[in-house]
C-alpha atoms as a PDB file:
ATOM      1  CA  MET A   1     -69.586-120.730 -72.245  1.00  0.00           C
ATOM      2  CA  SER A   2     -65.852-120.164 -72.123  1.00  0.00           C
ATOM      3  CA  GLY A   3     -63.003-122.355 -73.180  1.00  0.00           C
ATOM      4  CA  HIS A   4     -59.985-123.046 -71.058  1.00  0.00           C
ATOM      5  CA  THR A   5     -57.196-125.566 -71.309  1.00  0.00           C
ATOM      6  CA  GLY A   6     -54.512-124.936 -68.802  1.00  0.00           C
ATOM      7  CA  LYS A   7     -52.969-121.545 -69.475  1.00  0.00           C
ATOM      8  CA  ILE A   8     -55.544-119.807 -71.647  1.00  0.00           C
ATOM      9  CA  LYS A   9     -59.188-118.867 -71.454  1.00  0.00           C
ATOM     10  CA  TYR A  10     -61.337-117.695 -74.344  1.00  0.00           C
ATOM     11  CA  VAL A  11     -64.649-115.926 -73.880  1.00  0.00           C
ATOM     12  CA  PRO A  12     -66.632-116.015 -77.141  1.00  0.00           C
ATOM     13  CA  GLY A  13     -67.146-112.508 -78.497  1.00  0.00           C
ATOM     14  CA  THR A  14     -63.630-111.407 -77.638  1.00  0.00           C
ATOM     15  CA  TYR A  15     -62.301-109.210 -80.427  1.00  0.00           C
ATOM     16  CA  ALA A  16     -60.951-105.711 -80.940  1.00  0.00           C
ATOM     17  CA  LYS A  17     -64.100-103.908 -79.829  1.00  0.00           C
ATOM     18  CA  LYS A  18     -64.501-103.616 -76.071  1.00  0.00           C
ATOM     19  CA  ARG A  19     -68.039-104.586 -75.082  1.00  0.00           C
ATOM     20  CA  PRO A  20     -69.800-103.982 -71.758  1.00  0.00           C
ATOM     21  CA  SER A  21     -69.843-106.945 -69.424  1.00  0.00           C
ATOM     22  CA  THR A  22     -72.611-109.537 -69.563  1.00  0.00           C
ATOM     23  CA  VAL A  23     -74.086-108.268 -66.294  1.00  0.00           C
ATOM     24  CA  GLN A  24     -74.036-104.658 -67.485  1.00  0.00           C
ATOM     25  CA  LEU A  25     -75.729-105.507 -70.786  1.00  0.00           C
ATOM     26  CA  ALA A  26     -78.383-107.679 -69.143  1.00  0.00           C
ATOM     27  CA  GLN A  27     -79.264-104.945 -66.666  1.00  0.00           C
ATOM     28  CA  ARG A  28     -79.267-102.297 -69.397  1.00  0.00           C
ATOM     29  CA  TYR A  29     -81.635-104.289 -71.591  1.00  0.00           C
ATOM     30  CA  ILE A  30     -84.042-104.983 -68.752  1.00  0.00           C
ATOM     31  CA  SER A  31     -84.133-101.268 -67.957  1.00  0.00           C
ATOM     32  CA  GLU A  32     -84.863-100.519 -71.621  1.00  0.00           C
ATOM     33  CA  TRP A  33     -87.670-103.087 -71.699  1.00  0.00           C
ATOM     34  CA  GLU A  34     -89.185-101.634 -68.527  1.00  0.00           C
ATOM     35  CA  ARG A  35     -89.131 -98.110 -69.989  1.00  0.00           C
ATOM     36  CA  ARG A  36     -90.704 -99.409 -73.186  1.00  0.00           C
ATOM     37  CA  ARG A  37     -93.435-101.208 -71.233  1.00  0.00           C
ATOM     38  CA  ILE A  38     -94.319 -97.991 -69.403  1.00  0.00           C
ATOM     39  CA  LYS A  39     -94.344 -96.038 -72.661  1.00  0.00           C
ATOM     40  CA  ILE A  40     -96.665 -98.395 -74.543  1.00  0.00           C
ATOM     41  CA  GLU A  41     -99.199 -98.542 -71.700  1.00  0.00           C
ATOM     42  CA  THR A  42    -100.618 -95.270 -73.009  1.00  0.00           C
ATOM     43  CA  GLN A  43    -100.328 -96.212 -76.679  1.00  0.00           C
ATOM     44  CA  ASP A  44    -102.285 -98.427 -79.046  1.00  0.00           C
ATOM     45  CA  ASP A  45     -99.473-100.897 -79.734  1.00  0.00           C
ATOM     46  CA  LYS A  46    -100.396-102.916 -82.798  1.00  0.00           C
ATOM     47  CA  GLN A  47     -97.030-104.588 -83.308  1.00  0.00           C
ATOM     48  CA  PRO A  48     -96.958-108.395 -83.452  1.00  0.00           C
ATOM     49  CA  MET A  49     -95.891-110.221 -80.321  1.00  0.00           C
ATOM     50  CA  ILE A  50     -92.498-111.013 -81.825  1.00  0.00           C
ATOM     51  CA  THR A  51     -90.998-108.570 -84.298  1.00  0.00           C
ATOM     52  CA  PRO A  52     -88.777-109.974 -87.072  1.00  0.00           C
ATOM     53  CA  THR A  53     -85.739-111.414 -85.325  1.00  0.00           C
ATOM     54  CA  ILE A  54     -82.267-112.477 -86.449  1.00  0.00           C
ATOM     55  CA  CYS A  55     -80.710-115.618 -84.981  1.00  0.00           C
ATOM     56  CA  PHE A  56     -77.032-116.432 -85.499  1.00  0.00           C
ATOM     57  CA  SER A  57     -75.726-119.961 -85.046  1.00  0.00           C
ATOM     58  CA  ARG A  58     -72.025-120.750 -85.224  1.00  0.00           C
ATOM     59  CA  LYS A  59     -69.026-122.699 -84.164  1.00  0.00           C
ATOM     60  CA  ILE A  60     -67.197-120.741 -81.483  1.00  0.00           C
ATOM     61  CA  GLY A  61     -64.393-118.621 -82.896  1.00  0.00           C
ATOM     62  CA  VAL A  62     -65.982-117.899 -86.279  1.00  0.00           C
ATOM     63  CA  GLY A  63     -66.579-114.225 -85.393  1.00  0.00           C
ATOM     64  CA  ALA A  64     -70.401-114.166 -85.255  1.00  0.00           C
ATOM     65  CA  LEU A  65     -70.630-111.647 -82.417  1.00  0.00           C
ATOM     66  CA  GLU A  66     -68.430-109.171 -84.256  1.00  0.00           C
ATOM     67  CA  ILE A  67     -70.731-109.486 -87.283  1.00  0.00           C
ATOM     68  CA  ALA A  68     -73.784-109.067 -85.041  1.00  0.00           C
ATOM     69  CA  ASP A  69     -72.396-105.852 -83.547  1.00  0.00           C
ATOM     70  CA  ILE A  70     -71.769-104.404 -87.012  1.00  0.00           C
ATOM     71  CA  LEU A  71     -75.235-105.415 -88.184  1.00  0.00           C
ATOM     72  CA  ALA A  72     -76.876-104.011 -85.050  1.00  0.00           C
ATOM     73  CA  GLU A  73     -75.460-100.562 -85.790  1.00  0.00           C
ATOM     74  CA  LYS A  74     -76.870-100.754 -89.316  1.00  0.00           C
ATOM     75  CA  ILE A  75     -80.444-101.748 -88.440  1.00  0.00           C
ATOM     76  CA  GLY A  76     -80.866-100.440 -84.902  1.00  0.00           C
ATOM     77  CA  TYR A  77     -81.272-103.818 -83.199  1.00  0.00           C
ATOM     78  CA  ARG A  78     -79.792-104.908 -79.880  1.00  0.00           C
ATOM     79  CA  VAL A  79     -77.416-107.889 -79.673  1.00  0.00           C
ATOM     80  CA  VAL A  80     -78.110-110.623 -77.129  1.00  0.00           C
ATOM     81  CA  ASP A  81     -75.402-113.263 -77.094  1.00  0.00           C
ATOM     82  CA  HIS A  82     -75.392-116.658 -75.431  1.00  0.00           C
ATOM     83  CA  GLU A  83     -73.762-115.307 -72.264  1.00  0.00           C
ATOM     84  CA  ILE A  84     -76.542-112.757 -71.726  1.00  0.00           C
ATOM     85  CA  ILE A  85     -79.156-115.469 -72.360  1.00  0.00           C
ATOM     86  CA  GLU A  86     -77.383-117.842 -69.992  1.00  0.00           C
ATOM     87  CA  HIS A  87     -76.941-115.205 -67.310  1.00  0.00           C
ATOM     88  CA  THR A  88     -80.594-114.157 -67.500  1.00  0.00           C
ATOM     89  CA  ALA A  89     -81.857-117.757 -67.514  1.00  0.00           C
ATOM     90  CA  LYS A  90     -79.769-118.784 -64.496  1.00  0.00           C
ATOM     91  CA  GLU A  91     -80.140-115.673 -62.332  1.00  0.00           C
ATOM     92  CA  GLY A  92     -83.528-116.190 -60.723  1.00  0.00           C
ATOM     93  CA  LYS A  93     -84.389-112.545 -59.956  1.00  0.00           C
ATOM     94  CA  LEU A  94     -83.219-111.381 -63.379  1.00  0.00           C
ATOM     95  CA  ARG A  95     -85.164-114.141 -65.129  1.00  0.00           C
ATOM     96  CA  GLU A  96     -88.308-113.418 -63.150  1.00  0.00           C
ATOM     97  CA  LYS A  97     -88.188-109.700 -63.934  1.00  0.00           C
ATOM     98  CA  THR A  98     -87.576-110.290 -67.653  1.00  0.00           C
ATOM     99  CA  VAL A  99     -90.448-112.758 -67.866  1.00  0.00           C
ATOM    100  CA  ALA A 100     -92.732-110.577 -65.735  1.00  0.00           C
ATOM    101  CA  ILE A 101     -92.295-107.608 -68.092  1.00  0.00           C
ATOM    102  CA  PHE A 102     -93.237-109.830 -71.031  1.00  0.00           C
ATOM    103  CA  ASP A 103     -96.143-111.488 -69.226  1.00  0.00           C
ATOM    104  CA  GLU A 104     -97.597-108.137 -68.260  1.00  0.00           C
ATOM    105  CA  ARG A 105     -97.695-107.157 -71.903  1.00  0.00           C
ATOM    106  CA  TYR A 106     -98.873-110.545 -73.213  1.00  0.00           C
ATOM    107  CA  PRO A 107    -100.782-112.300 -70.403  1.00  0.00           C
ATOM    108  CA  GLY A 108    -100.817-116.089 -70.675  1.00  0.00           C
ATOM    109  CA  ILE A 109     -99.014-116.223 -74.026  1.00  0.00           C
ATOM    110  CA  ARG A 110     -95.673-117.466 -72.693  1.00  0.00           C
ATOM    111  CA  ASN A 111     -97.056-120.582 -71.019  1.00  0.00           C
ATOM    112  CA  GLU A 112     -99.166-121.421 -74.067  1.00  0.00           C
ATOM    113  CA  PHE A 113     -96.162-121.035 -76.338  1.00  0.00           C
ATOM    114  CA  ILE A 114     -93.877-123.132 -74.145  1.00  0.00           C
ATOM    115  CA  SER A 115     -96.431-125.954 -73.923  1.00  0.00           C
ATOM    116  CA  LEU A 116     -96.836-125.945 -77.696  1.00  0.00           C
ATOM    117  CA  LEU A 117     -93.095-125.746 -78.323  1.00  0.00           C
ATOM    118  CA  PHE A 118     -92.198-128.672 -76.100  1.00  0.00           C
ATOM    119  CA  LYS A 119     -94.941-130.727 -77.701  1.00  0.00           C
ATOM    120  CA  GLU A 120     -94.140-129.903 -81.335  1.00  0.00           C
ATOM    121  CA  LYS A 121     -90.358-129.697 -81.240  1.00  0.00           C
ATOM    122  CA  SER A 122     -89.701-132.414 -78.668  1.00  0.00           C
ATOM    123  CA  LEU A 123     -87.336-130.284 -76.613  1.00  0.00           C
ATOM    124  CA  ILE A 124     -86.110-132.023 -73.486  1.00  0.00           C
ATOM    125  CA  MET A 125     -88.422-130.801 -70.721  1.00  0.00           C
ATOM    126  CA  ASN A 126     -86.058-130.068 -67.858  1.00  0.00           C
ATOM    127  CA  ASP A 127     -85.975-126.924 -65.733  1.00  0.00           C
ATOM    128  CA  TYR A 128     -83.018-125.462 -67.571  1.00  0.00           C
ATOM    129  CA  ALA A 129     -84.659-125.919 -70.980  1.00  0.00           C
ATOM    130  CA  LYS A 130     -87.888-124.346 -69.747  1.00  0.00           C
ATOM    131  CA  HIS A 131     -86.008-121.375 -68.292  1.00  0.00           C
ATOM    132  CA  LEU A 132     -84.043-120.983 -71.532  1.00  0.00           C
ATOM    133  CA  VAL A 133     -87.148-121.045 -73.732  1.00  0.00           C
ATOM    134  CA  SER A 134     -88.971-118.667 -71.397  1.00  0.00           C
ATOM    135  CA  VAL A 135     -86.137-116.135 -71.420  1.00  0.00           C
ATOM    136  CA  VAL A 136     -85.533-116.277 -75.188  1.00  0.00           C
ATOM    137  CA  LEU A 137     -89.233-115.840 -75.934  1.00  0.00           C
ATOM    138  CA  SER A 138     -89.498-112.961 -73.472  1.00  0.00           C
ATOM    139  CA  ILE A 139     -86.437-111.172 -74.849  1.00  0.00           C
ATOM    140  CA  ALA A 140     -87.674-111.566 -78.433  1.00  0.00           C
ATOM    141  CA  GLY A 141     -91.067-110.188 -77.435  1.00  0.00           C
ATOM    142  CA  LEU A 142     -89.631-107.150 -75.683  1.00  0.00           C
ATOM    143  CA  GLY A 143     -87.541-105.641 -78.453  1.00  0.00           C
ATOM    144  CA  SER A 144     -85.889-105.988 -81.850  1.00  0.00           C
ATOM    145  CA  THR A 145     -83.071-108.465 -81.299  1.00  0.00           C
ATOM    146  CA  ILE A 146     -80.138-110.200 -82.916  1.00  0.00           C
ATOM    147  CA  PHE A 147     -79.525-113.426 -80.980  1.00  0.00           C
ATOM    148  CA  VAL A 148     -76.117-115.083 -81.104  1.00  0.00           C
ATOM    149  CA  GLY A 149     -75.986-118.726 -80.056  1.00  0.00           C
ATOM    150  CA  ARG A 150     -77.989-121.010 -77.783  1.00  0.00           C
ATOM    151  CA  GLY A 151     -80.076-122.503 -80.602  1.00  0.00           C
ATOM    152  CA  THR A 152     -82.533-119.598 -80.540  1.00  0.00           C
ATOM    153  CA  HIS A 153     -83.618-120.320 -84.128  1.00  0.00           C
ATOM    154  CA  LEU A 154     -85.049-123.611 -82.811  1.00  0.00           C
ATOM    155  CA  ILE A 155     -86.958-121.882 -80.037  1.00  0.00           C
ATOM    156  CA  LEU A 156     -88.678-118.936 -81.712  1.00  0.00           C
ATOM    157  CA  PRO A 157     -91.486-119.145 -84.294  1.00  0.00           C
ATOM    158  CA  ARG A 158     -89.710-119.919 -87.556  1.00  0.00           C
ATOM    159  CA  ASP A 159     -91.684-117.400 -89.607  1.00  0.00           C
ATOM    160  CA  ARG A 160     -90.481-114.580 -87.325  1.00  0.00           C
ATOM    161  CA  VAL A 161     -86.801-115.418 -87.726  1.00  0.00           C
ATOM    162  CA  LEU A 162     -83.994-114.949 -90.212  1.00  0.00           C
ATOM    163  CA  ALA A 163     -81.781-117.868 -89.187  1.00  0.00           C
ATOM    164  CA  VAL A 164     -78.125-117.597 -90.197  1.00  0.00           C
ATOM    165  CA  ARG A 165     -75.397-120.202 -89.750  1.00  0.00           C
ATOM    166  CA  PHE A 166     -71.729-119.198 -89.869  1.00  0.00           C
ATOM    167  CA  VAL A 167     -69.248-121.913 -90.784  1.00  0.00           C
ATOM    168  CA  CYS A 168     -65.549-122.061 -91.549  1.00  0.00           C
ATOM    169  CA  SER A 169     -62.577-124.382 -91.463  1.00  0.00           C
ATOM    170  CA  LYS A 170     -60.876-125.162 -88.199  1.00  0.00           C
ATOM    171  CA  GLU A 171     -57.804-123.413 -89.615  1.00  0.00           C
ATOM    172  CA  PHE A 172     -59.775-120.156 -89.820  1.00  0.00           C
ATOM    173  CA  ARG A 173     -60.916-120.475 -86.213  1.00  0.00           C
ATOM    174  CA  VAL A 174     -57.440-121.387 -84.979  1.00  0.00           C
ATOM    175  CA  LYS A 175     -55.862-118.454 -86.802  1.00  0.00           C
ATOM    176  CA  ARG A 176     -58.471-116.057 -85.462  1.00  0.00           C
ATOM    177  CA  LEU A 177     -58.109-117.338 -81.894  1.00  0.00           C
ATOM    178  CA  ASP A 178     -54.341-117.168 -82.177  1.00  0.00           C
ATOM    179  CA  GLY A 179     -54.589-113.519 -83.238  1.00  0.00           C
ATOM    180  CA  ILE A 180     -56.917-112.615 -80.373  1.00  0.00           C
ATOM    181  CA  LEU A 181     -55.177-114.460 -77.545  1.00  0.00           C
ATOM    182  CA  ASN A 182     -51.612-114.497 -78.884  1.00  0.00           C
ATOM    183  CA  VAL A 183     -51.179-118.221 -78.276  1.00  0.00           C
ATOM    184  CA  ASN A 184     -49.603-120.964 -80.332  1.00  0.00           C
ATOM    185  CA  GLN A 185     -51.532-123.185 -82.714  1.00  0.00           C
ATOM    186  CA  LYS A 186     -51.675-126.190 -80.379  1.00  0.00           C
ATOM    187  CA  GLU A 187     -53.106-124.154 -77.497  1.00  0.00           C
ATOM    188  CA  ALA A 188     -55.723-122.627 -79.806  1.00  0.00           C
ATOM    189  CA  GLU A 189     -56.705-126.065 -81.150  1.00  0.00           C
ATOM    190  CA  ASN A 190     -57.038-127.515 -77.655  1.00  0.00           C
ATOM    191  CA  THR A 191     -59.190-124.584 -76.552  1.00  0.00           C
ATOM    192  CA  LEU A 192     -61.515-124.938 -79.542  1.00  0.00           C
ATOM    193  CA  ASP A 193     -61.797-128.698 -79.047  1.00  0.00           C
ATOM    194  CA  HIS A 194     -62.853-128.107 -75.448  1.00  0.00           C
ATOM    195  CA  ILE A 195     -65.436-125.466 -76.437  1.00  0.00           C
ATOM    196  CA  ASP A 196     -66.798-127.645 -79.251  1.00  0.00           C
ATOM    197  CA  LYS A 197     -67.317-130.481 -76.778  1.00  0.00           C
ATOM    198  CA  GLU A 198     -69.266-128.160 -74.456  1.00  0.00           C
ATOM    199  CA  GLN A 199     -71.375-126.915 -77.358  1.00  0.00           C
ATOM    200  CA  ARG A 200     -72.252-130.446 -78.499  1.00  0.00           C
ATOM    201  CA  ALA A 201     -73.232-131.344 -74.940  1.00  0.00           C
ATOM    202  CA  PHE A 202     -75.554-128.338 -74.804  1.00  0.00           C
ATOM    203  CA  TYR A 203     -77.292-129.229 -78.075  1.00  0.00           C
ATOM    204  CA  LYS A 204     -77.742-132.801 -76.890  1.00  0.00           C
ATOM    205  CA  LYS A 205     -79.065-131.746 -73.499  1.00  0.00           C
ATOM    206  CA  VAL A 206     -81.560-129.151 -74.708  1.00  0.00           C
ATOM    207  CA  PHE A 207     -82.509-130.107 -78.266  1.00  0.00           C
ATOM    208  CA  GLY A 208     -81.581-133.782 -78.477  1.00  0.00           C
ATOM    209  CA  LYS A 209     -79.348-132.963 -81.472  1.00  0.00           C
ATOM    210  CA  LYS A 210     -75.679-133.590 -82.170  1.00  0.00           C
ATOM    211  CA  ASP A 211     -75.254-130.328 -84.061  1.00  0.00           C
ATOM    212  CA  ALA A 212     -77.092-127.721 -86.126  1.00  0.00           C
ATOM    213  CA  SER A 213     -78.172-128.967 -89.541  1.00  0.00           C
ATOM    214  CA  PRO A 214     -77.641-126.553 -92.467  1.00  0.00           C
ATOM    215  CA  TYR A 215     -81.244-127.234 -93.507  1.00  0.00           C
ATOM    216  CA  GLU A 216     -82.474-125.338 -90.423  1.00  0.00           C
ATOM    217  CA  PHE A 217     -81.262-121.996 -91.766  1.00  0.00           C
ATOM    218  CA  ASP A 218     -82.254-119.336 -94.274  1.00  0.00           C
ATOM    219  CA  LEU A 219     -78.623-118.553 -94.959  1.00  0.00           C
ATOM    220  CA  VAL A 220     -75.246-120.242 -94.437  1.00  0.00           C
ATOM    221  CA  ILE A 221     -72.126-118.067 -94.686  1.00  0.00           C
ATOM    222  CA  ASN A 222     -68.636-119.543 -95.004  1.00  0.00           C
ATOM    223  CA  ARG A 223     -66.076-117.253 -93.362  1.00  0.00           C
ATOM    224  CA  ASP A 224     -63.247-118.910 -95.290  1.00  0.00           C
ATOM    225  CA  HIS A 225     -64.596-117.055 -98.330  1.00  0.00           C
ATOM    226  CA  ILE A 226     -66.550-114.172 -96.769  1.00  0.00           C
ATOM    227  CA  MET A 227     -63.557-113.179 -94.721  1.00  0.00           C
ATOM    228  CA  LYS A 228     -64.398-109.650 -93.602  1.00  0.00           C
ATOM    229  CA  ALA A 229     -67.020-109.229 -90.897  1.00  0.00           C
ATOM    230  CA  GLU A 230     -68.429-106.191 -92.743  1.00  0.00           C
ATOM    231  CA  TRP A 231     -69.084-108.334 -95.844  1.00  0.00           C
ATOM    232  CA  ALA A 232     -70.992-110.891 -93.802  1.00  0.00           C
ATOM    233  CA  ALA A 233     -73.011-108.192 -92.025  1.00  0.00           C
ATOM    234  CA  ASN A 234     -73.982-106.657 -95.377  1.00  0.00           C
ATOM    235  CA  ILE A 235     -75.162-110.031 -96.710  1.00  0.00           C
ATOM    236  CA  VAL A 236     -77.305-110.691 -93.627  1.00  0.00           C
ATOM    237  CA  GLU A 237     -78.728-107.172 -93.726  1.00  0.00           C
ATOM    238  CA  GLN A 238     -79.843-107.612 -97.332  1.00  0.00           C
ATOM    239  CA  ALA A 239     -81.357-111.046 -96.658  1.00  0.00           C
ATOM    240  CA  PHE A 240     -83.225-109.663 -93.642  1.00  0.00           C
ATOM    241  CA  LYS A 241     -84.630-106.780 -95.672  1.00  0.00           C
ATOM    242  CA  GLU A 242     -85.742-109.127 -98.447  1.00  0.00           C
ATOM    243  CA  LYS A 243     -87.455-111.547 -96.068  1.00  0.00           C
ATOM    244  CA  PHE A 244     -89.308-108.955 -93.987  1.00  0.00           C
ATOM    245  CA  TYR A 245     -89.678-106.050 -96.421  1.00  0.00           C
ATOM    246  CA  GLU A 246     -93.473-105.992 -95.964  1.00  0.00           C
ATOM    247  CA  GLU A 247     -93.260-105.516 -92.184  1.00  0.00           C
ATOM    248  CA  ILE A 248     -90.409-103.130 -91.480  1.00  0.00           C
ATOM    249  CA  ASP A 249     -89.768 -99.593 -92.648  1.00  0.00           C
ATOM    250  CA  PHE A 250     -86.147-100.077 -93.603  1.00  0.00           C
ATOM    251  CA  SER A 251     -85.872 -96.475 -94.817  1.00  0.00           C
ATOM    252  CA  GLU A 252     -85.485 -95.496 -91.177  1.00  0.00           C
ATOM    253  CA  MET A 253     -82.533 -97.842 -90.648  1.00  0.00           C
END
C-alpha cells in the first residue's frame, strides 16, 4: 500500500533507516526458512507450530515499522511488514514456495487451520483472503516474527500473539509525514486521507470490518504521548516478555 496524491508518494515504513527492498527481504526470508527446514530435518524439533508472535496494527504514518525494527534488534525476531506479506501473497511462485516449506514441515495443518479460521472468524472467503491467510500462517510457522499491518492479529491463533495497536492524532501523522517527505501540511493530509481510505477498503474486503477495535489488542500505545520509537519498543518488549515468559528464554535476547 502506498499513498499518492498528485506530486507525492509515501511508502509506509519510510524513515531515516534505509531498509532493503520488499523483494530483497522476501527472498532473503524464504532462503532463511529453507535453510532452517533443512537443518531441522535431522533434529528432534519440539517447538510449537507457531512460536510467540508480535502483531502490530496501526494507522499509516504512526511509525510502527520503525518501532518494529528497533524491537527486532532487541529480541532477535525478523520484521515482516504489509508490503512483504502482500508481495508474497500476490506473487504465485513466491507464495507457493513459502507455503510448500511450511506444508513440508506441518503436513495438512494449513488447510485445516484455514477451514477453521474462515468458519469461526467469518472472513470473506475470496481467493485473495485465502492467499493472505495462507501466507501469514506459513510465515508465522517458519520463524519468530514481528508482523506489521494486514490485520495479522485477526488471522493467527490469539493465544500465540501479542497484539499491539499504535494510535495517534492526525496532527502527529501529518507532522511526521511532513518531516519525512518535506511537503506542506495540505499535501501530507491529502496523502494520509488517501491511504486511510485504502486501508478501510482492505479491512472491509478481507475482515468485513470498518476498522480495528481497541478491544482486539493486548496493548494500545498512543504516540502523541509515547513519542520516541525507542520508548514504544521498550514497552512492547516488556509486555511480550511478561506474556510469554514461560515459553521463551529471554536471557538469550
